[in-house]
Amino acid sequence: MTKDPICGMDVVEEGAQHTLHFAHETIYFCSLSCKEAYARQSGMLEPVTKKGVIRRFLEKLAQGNEQNYGSGPPKCH
């Protein structure tokens, strides 16, 4: 048995479903979410960010405003 590095749960190595092979070492996880969390923390996996229609619109609007007016505060103050 080994311990999951994320949650500390005991994992049976034989027949483990969630493993990660890194630098000649096998790391065992209790679940897919722990495996993904470890991969994100170690830099192996980029964080997943979903952007909806409104968020994409607001980001595009902010970029346009920054190009036209700069990123500083208004000049009237």
PDB file of N, CA and C in Angstrom:
ATOM      1  N   MET A   1       0.833  -1.192   0.000  1.00  0.00           N
ATOM      2  CA  MET A   1       0.000   0.000   0.000  1.00  0.00           C
ATOM      3  C   MET A   1       0.871   1.246   0.000  1.00  0.00           C
ATOM      4  N   THR A   2       0.329   2.268  -0.602  1.00  0.00           N
ATOM      5  CA  THR A   2       0.999   3.561  -0.638  1.00  0.00           C
ATOM      6  C   THR A   2      -0.040   4.641  -0.344  1.00  0.00           C
ATOM      7  N   LYS A   3       0.413   5.849  -0.104  1.00  0.00           N
ATOM      8  CA  LYS A   3      -0.502   6.946   0.214  1.00  0.00           C
ATOM      9  C   LYS A   3      -0.673   7.868  -0.985  1.00  0.00           C
ATOM     10  N   ASP A   4      -1.893   8.314  -1.184  1.00  0.00           N
ATOM     11  CA  ASP A   4      -2.200   9.328  -2.195  1.00  0.00           C
ATOM     12  C   ASP A   4      -1.540  10.623  -1.737  1.00  0.00           C
ATOM     13  N   PRO A   5      -0.689  11.262  -2.577  1.00  0.00           N
ATOM     14  CA  PRO A   5       0.016  12.476  -2.153  1.00  0.00           C
ATOM     15  C   PRO A   5      -0.899  13.686  -1.944  1.00  0.00           C
ATOM     16  N   ILE A   6      -2.110  13.661  -2.455  1.00  0.00           N
ATOM     17  CA  ILE A   6      -3.016  14.797  -2.315  1.00  0.00           C
ATOM     18  C   ILE A   6      -3.851  14.687  -1.050  1.00  0.00           C
ATOM     19  N   CYS A   7      -4.554  13.556  -0.885  1.00  0.00           N
ATOM     20  CA  CYS A   7      -5.478  13.442   0.245  1.00  0.00           C
ATOM     21  C   CYS A   7      -4.968  12.541   1.368  1.00  0.00           C
ATOM     22  N   GLY A   8      -3.899  11.780   1.109  1.00  0.00           N
ATOM     23  CA  GLY A   8      -3.338  10.921   2.135  1.00  0.00           C
ATOM     24  C   GLY A   8      -4.047   9.587   2.294  1.00  0.00           C
ATOM     25  N   MET A   9      -4.984   9.284   1.436  1.00  0.00           N
ATOM     26  CA  MET A   9      -5.718   8.019   1.502  1.00  0.00           C
ATOM     27  C   MET A   9      -4.811   6.861   1.087  1.00  0.00           C
ATOM     28  N   ASP A  10      -4.986   5.699   1.714  1.00  0.00           N
ATOM     29  CA  ASP A  10      -4.229   4.507   1.342  1.00  0.00           C
ATOM     30  C   ASP A  10      -4.721   3.981   0.002  1.00  0.00           C
ATOM     31  N   VAL A  11      -3.773   3.644  -0.881  1.00  0.00           N
ATOM     32  CA  VAL A  11      -4.098   3.143  -2.211  1.00  0.00           C
ATOM     33  C   VAL A  11      -3.357   1.830  -2.417  1.00  0.00           C
ATOM     34  N   VAL A  12      -4.078   0.813  -2.852  1.00  0.00           N
ATOM     35  CA  VAL A  12      -3.463  -0.474  -3.170  1.00  0.00           C
ATOM     36  C   VAL A  12      -2.795  -0.338  -4.534  1.00  0.00           C
ATOM     37  N   GLU A  13      -1.499  -0.609  -4.590  1.00  0.00           N
ATOM     38  CA  GLU A  13      -0.748  -0.418  -5.825  1.00  0.00           C
ATOM     39  C   GLU A  13      -1.176  -1.386  -6.918  1.00  0.00           C
ATOM     40  N   GLU A  14      -1.451  -2.623  -6.558  1.00  0.00           N
ATOM     41  CA  GLU A  14      -1.823  -3.633  -7.535  1.00  0.00           C
ATOM     42  C   GLU A  14      -3.228  -3.357  -8.066  1.00  0.00           C
ATOM     43  N   GLY A  15      -3.334  -3.108  -9.362  1.00  0.00           N
ATOM     44  CA  GLY A  15      -4.622  -2.861  -9.988  1.00  0.00           C
ATOM     45  C   GLY A  15      -5.155  -1.448  -9.797  1.00  0.00           C
ATOM     46  N   ALA A  16      -4.309  -0.525  -9.376  1.00  0.00           N
ATOM     47  CA  ALA A  16      -4.748   0.863  -9.188  1.00  0.00           C
ATOM     48  C   ALA A  16      -5.146   1.465 -10.527  1.00  0.00           C
ATOM     49  N   GLN A  17      -6.274   2.154 -10.544  1.00  0.00           N
ATOM     50  CA  GLN A  17      -6.779   2.731 -11.790  1.00  0.00           C
ATOM     51  C   GLN A  17      -6.155   4.078 -12.113  1.00  0.00           C
ATOM     52  N   HIS A  18      -5.785   4.836 -11.095  1.00  0.00           N
ATOM     53  CA  HIS A  18      -5.297   6.205 -11.310  1.00  0.00           C
ATOM     54  C   HIS A  18      -3.826   6.289 -10.909  1.00  0.00           C
ATOM     55  N   THR A  19      -2.966   6.307 -11.920  1.00  0.00           N
ATOM     56  CA  THR A  19      -1.532   6.391 -11.683  1.00  0.00           C
ATOM     57  C   THR A  19      -0.932   7.454 -12.578  1.00  0.00           C
ATOM     58  N   LEU A  20       0.236   7.893 -12.194  1.00  0.00           N
ATOM     59  CA  LEU A  20       0.986   8.852 -12.996  1.00  0.00           C
ATOM     60  C   LEU A  20       2.431   8.397 -12.975  1.00  0.00           C
ATOM     61  N   HIS A  21       3.055   8.282 -14.125  1.00  0.00           N
ATOM     62  CA  HIS A  21       4.445   7.846 -14.230  1.00  0.00           C
ATOM     63  C   HIS A  21       5.302   9.076 -14.495  1.00  0.00           C
ATOM     64  N   PHE A  22       6.247   9.319 -13.594  1.00  0.00           N
ATOM     65  CA  PHE A  22       7.063  10.525 -13.697  1.00  0.00           C
ATOM     66  C   PHE A  22       8.463  10.226 -13.175  1.00  0.00           C
ATOM     67  N   ALA A  23       9.480  10.487 -13.982  1.00  0.00           N
ATOM     68  CA  ALA A  23      10.889  10.338 -13.603  1.00  0.00           C
ATOM     69  C   ALA A  23      11.170   8.955 -13.017  1.00  0.00           C
ATOM     70  N   HIS A  24      10.797   7.909 -13.732  1.00  0.00           N
ATOM     71  CA  HIS A  24      11.027   6.518 -13.328  1.00  0.00           C
ATOM     72  C   HIS A  24      10.350   6.175 -12.007  1.00  0.00           C
ATOM     73  N   GLU A  25       9.272   6.841 -11.701  1.00  0.00           N
ATOM     74  CA  GLU A  25       8.528   6.595 -10.472  1.00  0.00           C
ATOM     75  C   GLU A  25       7.039   6.565 -10.822  1.00  0.00           C
ATOM     76  N   THR A  26       6.311   5.695 -10.159  1.00  0.00           N
ATOM     77  CA  THR A  26       4.868   5.621 -10.349  1.00  0.00           C
ATOM     78  C   THR A  26       4.208   6.192  -9.100  1.00  0.00           C
ATOM     79  N   ILE A  27       3.298   7.123  -9.308  1.00  0.00           N
ATOM     80  CA  ILE A  27       2.569   7.749  -8.212  1.00  0.00           C
ATOM     81  C   ILE A  27       1.128   7.257  -8.304  1.00  0.00           C
ATOM     82  N   TYR A  28       0.593   6.826  -7.173  1.00  0.00           N
ATOM     83  CA  TYR A  28      -0.749   6.238  -7.137  1.00  0.00           C
ATOM     84  C   TYR A  28      -1.733   7.200  -6.498  1.00  0.00           C
ATOM     85  N   PHE A  29      -2.955   7.251  -7.053  1.00  0.00           N
ATOM     86  CA  PHE A  29      -3.994   8.155  -6.570  1.00  0.00           C
ATOM     87  C   PHE A  29      -5.276   7.388  -6.313  1.00  0.00           C
ATOM     88  N   CYS A  30      -6.088   7.903  -5.393  1.00  0.00           N
ATOM     89  CA  CYS A  30      -7.359   7.256  -5.059  1.00  0.00           C
ATOM     90  C   CYS A  30      -8.443   7.590  -6.078  1.00  0.00           C
ATOM     91  N   SER A  31      -8.321   8.727  -6.760  1.00  0.00           N
ATOM     92  CA  SER A  31      -9.354   9.149  -7.708  1.00  0.00           C
ATOM     93  C   SER A  31      -8.739   9.996  -8.811  1.00  0.00           C
ATOM     94  N   LEU A  32      -9.531  10.198  -9.846  1.00  0.00           N
ATOM     95  CA  LEU A  32      -9.094  11.028 -10.965  1.00  0.00           C
ATOM     96  C   LEU A  32      -8.911  12.481 -10.531  1.00  0.00           C
ATOM     97  N   SER A  33      -9.763  12.961  -9.634  1.00  0.00           N
ATOM     98  CA  SER A  33      -9.638  14.361  -9.193  1.00  0.00           C
ATOM     99  C   SER A  33      -8.334  14.589  -8.436  1.00  0.00           C
ATOM    100  N   CYS A  34      -7.895  13.627  -7.625  1.00  0.00           N
ATOM    101  CA  CYS A  34      -6.609  13.763  -6.931  1.00  0.00           C
ATOM    102  C   CYS A  34      -5.451  13.727  -7.925  1.00  0.00           C
ATOM    103  N   LYS A  35      -5.571  12.877  -8.939  1.00  0.00           N
ATOM    104  CA  LYS A  35      -4.527  12.793  -9.971  1.00  0.00           C
ATOM    105  C   LYS A  35      -4.410  14.117 -10.722  1.00  0.00           C
ATOM    106  N   GLU A  36      -5.546  14.712 -11.097  1.00  0.00           N
ATOM    107  CA  GLU A  36      -5.529  15.984 -11.818  1.00  0.00           C
ATOM    108  C   GLU A  36      -5.017  17.119 -10.929  1.00  0.00           C
ATOM    109  N   ALA A  37      -5.390  17.096  -9.654  1.00  0.00           N
ATOM    110  CA  ALA A  37      -4.898  18.123  -8.722  1.00  0.00           C
ATOM    111  C   ALA A  37      -3.379  18.041  -8.599  1.00  0.00           C
ATOM    112  N   TYR A  38      -2.837  16.840  -8.506  1.00  0.00           N
ATOM    113  CA  TYR A  38      -1.390  16.660  -8.414  1.00  0.00           C
ATOM    114  C   TYR A  38      -0.709  17.147  -9.691  1.00  0.00           C
ATOM    115  N   ALA A  39      -1.282  16.803 -10.836  1.00  0.00           N
ATOM    116  CA  ALA A  39      -0.703  17.221 -12.110  1.00  0.00           C
ATOM    117  C   ALA A  39      -0.696  18.733 -12.238  1.00  0.00           C
ATOM    118  N   ARG A  40      -1.776  19.391 -11.783  1.00  0.00           N
ATOM    119  CA  ARG A  40      -1.829  20.860 -11.823  1.00  0.00           C
ATOM    120  C   ARG A  40      -0.795  21.475 -10.887  1.00  0.00           C
ATOM    121  N   GLN A  41      -0.685  20.938  -9.668  1.00  0.00           N
ATOM    122  CA  GLN A  41       0.252  21.480  -8.686  1.00  0.00           C
ATOM    123  C   GLN A  41       1.700  21.312  -9.113  1.00  0.00           C
ATOM    124  N   SER A  42       1.996  20.212  -9.798  1.00  0.00           N
ATOM    125  CA  SER A  42       3.369  19.954 -10.209  1.00  0.00           C
ATOM    126  C   SER A  42       3.706  20.599 -11.554  1.00  0.00           C
ATOM    127  N   GLY A  43       2.716  21.234 -12.199  1.00  0.00           N
ATOM    128  CA  GLY A  43       2.958  21.913 -13.460  1.00  0.00           C
ATOM    129  C   GLY A  43       2.851  21.022 -14.680  1.00  0.00           C
ATOM    130  N   MET A  44       2.387  19.793 -14.510  1.00  0.00           N
ATOM    131  CA  MET A  44       2.242  18.877 -15.641  1.00  0.00           C
ATOM    132  C   MET A  44       0.993  19.162 -16.450  1.00  0.00           C
ATOM    133  N   LEU A  45       0.025  19.806 -15.857  1.00  0.00           N
ATOM    134  CA  LEU A  45      -1.263  20.023 -16.494  1.00  0.00           C
ATOM    135  C   LEU A  45      -1.674  21.473 -16.298  1.00  0.00           C
ATOM    136  N   GLU A  46      -2.095  22.110 -17.364  1.00  0.00           N
ATOM    137  CA  GLU A  46      -2.579  23.487 -17.271  1.00  0.00           C
ATOM    138  C   GLU A  46      -3.967  23.500 -16.643  1.00  0.00           C
ATOM    139  N   PRO A  47      -4.261  24.484 -15.812  1.00  0.00           N
ATOM    140  CA  PRO A  47      -5.598  24.559 -15.238  1.00  0.00           C
ATOM    141  C   PRO A  47      -6.660  24.774 -16.309  1.00  0.00           C
ATOM    142  N   VAL A  48      -7.773  24.159 -16.118  1.00  0.00           N
ATOM    143  CA  VAL A  48      -8.873  24.271 -17.066  1.00  0.00           C
ATOM    144  C   VAL A  48      -9.741  25.456 -16.660  1.00  0.00           C
ATOM    145  N   THR A  49      -9.903  26.377 -17.584  1.00  0.00           N
ATOM    146  CA  THR A  49     -10.777  27.518 -17.321  1.00  0.00           C
ATOM    147  C   THR A  49     -11.787  27.599 -18.444  1.00  0.00           C
ATOM    148  N   LYS A  50     -13.029  27.534 -18.085  1.00  0.00           N
ATOM    149  CA  LYS A  50     -14.092  27.648 -19.069  1.00  0.00           C
ATOM    150  C   LYS A  50     -14.545  29.090 -19.130  1.00  0.00           C
ATOM    151  N   LYS A  51     -14.718  29.578 -20.344  1.00  0.00           N
ATOM    152  CA  LYS A  51     -15.192  30.933 -20.525  1.00  0.00           C
ATOM    153  C   LYS A  51     -16.519  30.887 -21.245  1.00  0.00           C
ATOM    154  N   GLY A  52     -17.516  31.465 -20.625  1.00  0.00           N
ATOM    155  CA  GLY A  52     -18.817  31.553 -21.240  1.00  0.00           C
ATOM    156  C   GLY A  52     -18.875  32.713 -22.213  1.00  0.00           C
ATOM    157  N   VAL A  53     -19.986  32.844 -22.870  1.00  0.00           N
ATOM    158  CA  VAL A  53     -20.185  33.893 -23.868  1.00  0.00           C
ATOM    159  C   VAL A  53     -20.039  35.269 -23.230  1.00  0.00           C
ATOM    160  N   ILE A  54     -20.632  35.466 -22.073  1.00  0.00           N
ATOM    161  CA  ILE A  54     -20.585  36.777 -21.412  1.00  0.00           C
ATOM    162  C   ILE A  54     -19.167  37.114 -20.979  1.00  0.00           C
ATOM    163  N   ARG A  55     -18.462  36.138 -20.423  1.00  0.00           N
ATOM    164  CA  ARG A  55     -17.088  36.403 -19.978  1.00  0.00           C
ATOM    165  C   ARG A  55     -16.192  36.758 -21.158  1.00  0.00           C
ATOM    166  N   ARG A  56     -16.340  36.026 -22.286  1.00  0.00           N
ATOM    167  CA  ARG A  56     -15.538  36.354 -23.470  1.00  0.00           C
ATOM    168  C   ARG A  56     -15.862  37.752 -23.974  1.00  0.00           C
ATOM    169  N   PHE A  57     -17.158  38.126 -23.964  1.00  0.00           N
ATOM    170  CA  PHE A  57     -17.572  39.454 -24.394  1.00  0.00           C
ATOM    171  C   PHE A  57     -16.957  40.528 -23.500  1.00  0.00           C
ATOM    172  N   LEU A  58     -17.015  40.330 -22.191  1.00  0.00           N
ATOM    173  CA  LEU A  58     -16.466  41.324 -21.266  1.00  0.00           C
ATOM    174  C   LEU A  58     -14.956  41.459 -21.398  1.00  0.00           C
ATOM    175  N   GLU A  59     -14.254  40.342 -21.614  1.00  0.00           N
ATOM    176  CA  GLU A  59     -12.807  40.409 -21.802  1.00  0.00           C
ATOM    177  C   GLU A  59     -12.457  41.167 -23.089  1.00  0.00           C
ATOM    178  N   LYS A  60     -13.218  40.911 -24.150  1.00  0.00           N
ATOM    179  CA  LYS A  60     -12.977  41.618 -25.413  1.00  0.00           C
ATOM    180  C   LYS A  60     -13.264  43.107 -25.256  1.00  0.00           C
ATOM    181  N   LEU A  61     -14.321  43.444 -24.535  1.00  0.00           N
ATOM    182  CA  LEU A  61     -14.661  44.835 -24.268  1.00  0.00           C
ATOM    183  C   LEU A  61     -13.561  45.519 -23.455  1.00  0.00           C
ATOM    184  N   ALA A  62     -13.048  44.829 -22.443  1.00  0.00           N
ATOM    185  CA  ALA A  62     -11.978  45.379 -21.615  1.00  0.00           C
ATOM    186  C   ALA A  62     -10.707  45.596 -22.423  1.00  0.00           C
ATOM    187  N   GLN A  63     -10.401  44.658 -23.317  1.00  0.00           N
ATOM    188  CA  GLN A  63      -9.221  44.818 -24.172  1.00  0.00           C
ATOM    189  C   GLN A  63      -9.362  46.024 -25.088  1.00  0.00           C
ATOM    190  N   GLY A  64     -10.555  46.215 -25.645  1.00  0.00           N
ATOM    191  CA  GLY A  64     -10.800  47.373 -26.508  1.00  0.00           C
ATOM    192  C   GLY A  64     -10.677  48.673 -25.740  1.00  0.00           C
ATOM    193  N   ASN A  65     -11.222  48.713 -24.536  1.00  0.00           N
ATOM    194  CA  ASN A  65     -11.115  49.912 -23.701  1.00  0.00           C
ATOM    195  C   ASN A  65      -9.669  50.207 -23.349  1.00  0.00           C
ATOM    196  N   GLU A  66      -8.902  49.163 -23.043  1.00  0.00           N
ATOM    197  CA  GLU A  66      -7.498  49.366 -22.692  1.00  0.00           C
ATOM    198  C   GLU A  66      -6.713  49.891 -23.889  1.00  0.00           C
ATOM    199  N   GLN A  67      -7.018  49.391 -25.086  1.00  0.00           N
ATOM    200  CA  GLN A  67      -6.327  49.874 -26.279  1.00  0.00           C
ATOM    201  C   GLN A  67      -6.678  51.333 -26.557  1.00  0.00           C
ATOM    202  N   ASN A  68      -7.947  51.694 -26.382  1.00  0.00           N
ATOM    203  CA  ASN A  68      -8.390  53.052 -26.690  1.00  0.00           C
ATOM    204  C   ASN A  68      -8.037  54.066 -25.610  1.00  0.00           C
ATOM    205  N   TYR A  69      -8.125  53.666 -24.341  1.00  0.00           N
ATOM    206  CA  TYR A  69      -7.996  54.628 -23.245  1.00  0.00           C
ATOM    207  C   TYR A  69      -6.846  54.343 -22.289  1.00  0.00           C
ATOM    208  N   GLY A  70      -6.133  53.244 -22.449  1.00  0.00           N
ATOM    209  CA  GLY A  70      -5.059  52.900 -21.536  1.00  0.00           C
ATOM    210  C   GLY A  70      -5.595  52.137 -20.346  1.00  0.00           C
ATOM    211  N   SER A  71      -4.705  51.694 -19.475  1.00  0.00           N
ATOM    212  CA  SER A  71      -5.126  50.876 -18.354  1.00  0.00           C
ATOM    213  C   SER A  71      -5.172  51.645 -17.033  1.00  0.00           C
ATOM    214  N   GLY A  72      -4.869  52.926 -17.063  1.00  0.00           N
ATOM    215  CA  GLY A  72      -4.863  53.732 -15.849  1.00  0.00           C
ATOM    216  C   GLY A  72      -6.252  54.229 -15.472  1.00  0.00           C
ATOM    217  N   PRO A  73      -6.356  54.912 -14.347  1.00  0.00           N
ATOM    218  CA  PRO A  73      -7.644  55.456 -13.935  1.00  0.00           C
ATOM    219  C   PRO A  73      -8.054  56.626 -14.810  1.00  0.00           C
ATOM    220  N   PRO A  74      -9.312  57.036 -14.757  1.00  0.00           N
ATOM    221  CA  PRO A  74      -9.761  58.184 -15.561  1.00  0.00           C
ATOM    222  C   PRO A  74      -8.955  59.450 -15.219  1.00  0.00           C
ATOM    223  N   LYS A  75      -8.792  60.311 -16.215  1.00  0.00           N
ATOM    224  CA  LYS A  75      -7.990  61.523 -16.032  1.00  0.00           C
ATOM    225  C   LYS A  75      -8.742  62.637 -15.299  1.00  0.00           C
ATOM    226  N   CYS A  76     -10.042  62.454 -15.062  1.00  0.00           N
ATOM    227  CA  CYS A  76     -10.823  63.516 -14.448  1.00  0.00           C
ATOM    228  C   CYS A  76     -10.600  63.630 -12.931  1.00  0.00           C
ATOM    229  N   HIS A  77      -9.903  62.693 -12.330  1.00  0.00           N
ATOM    230  CA  HIS A  77      -9.694  62.741 -10.864  1.00  0.00           C
ATOM    231  C   HIS A  77      -8.357  63.265 -10.509  1.00  0.00           C
TER     232      HIS A  77
END
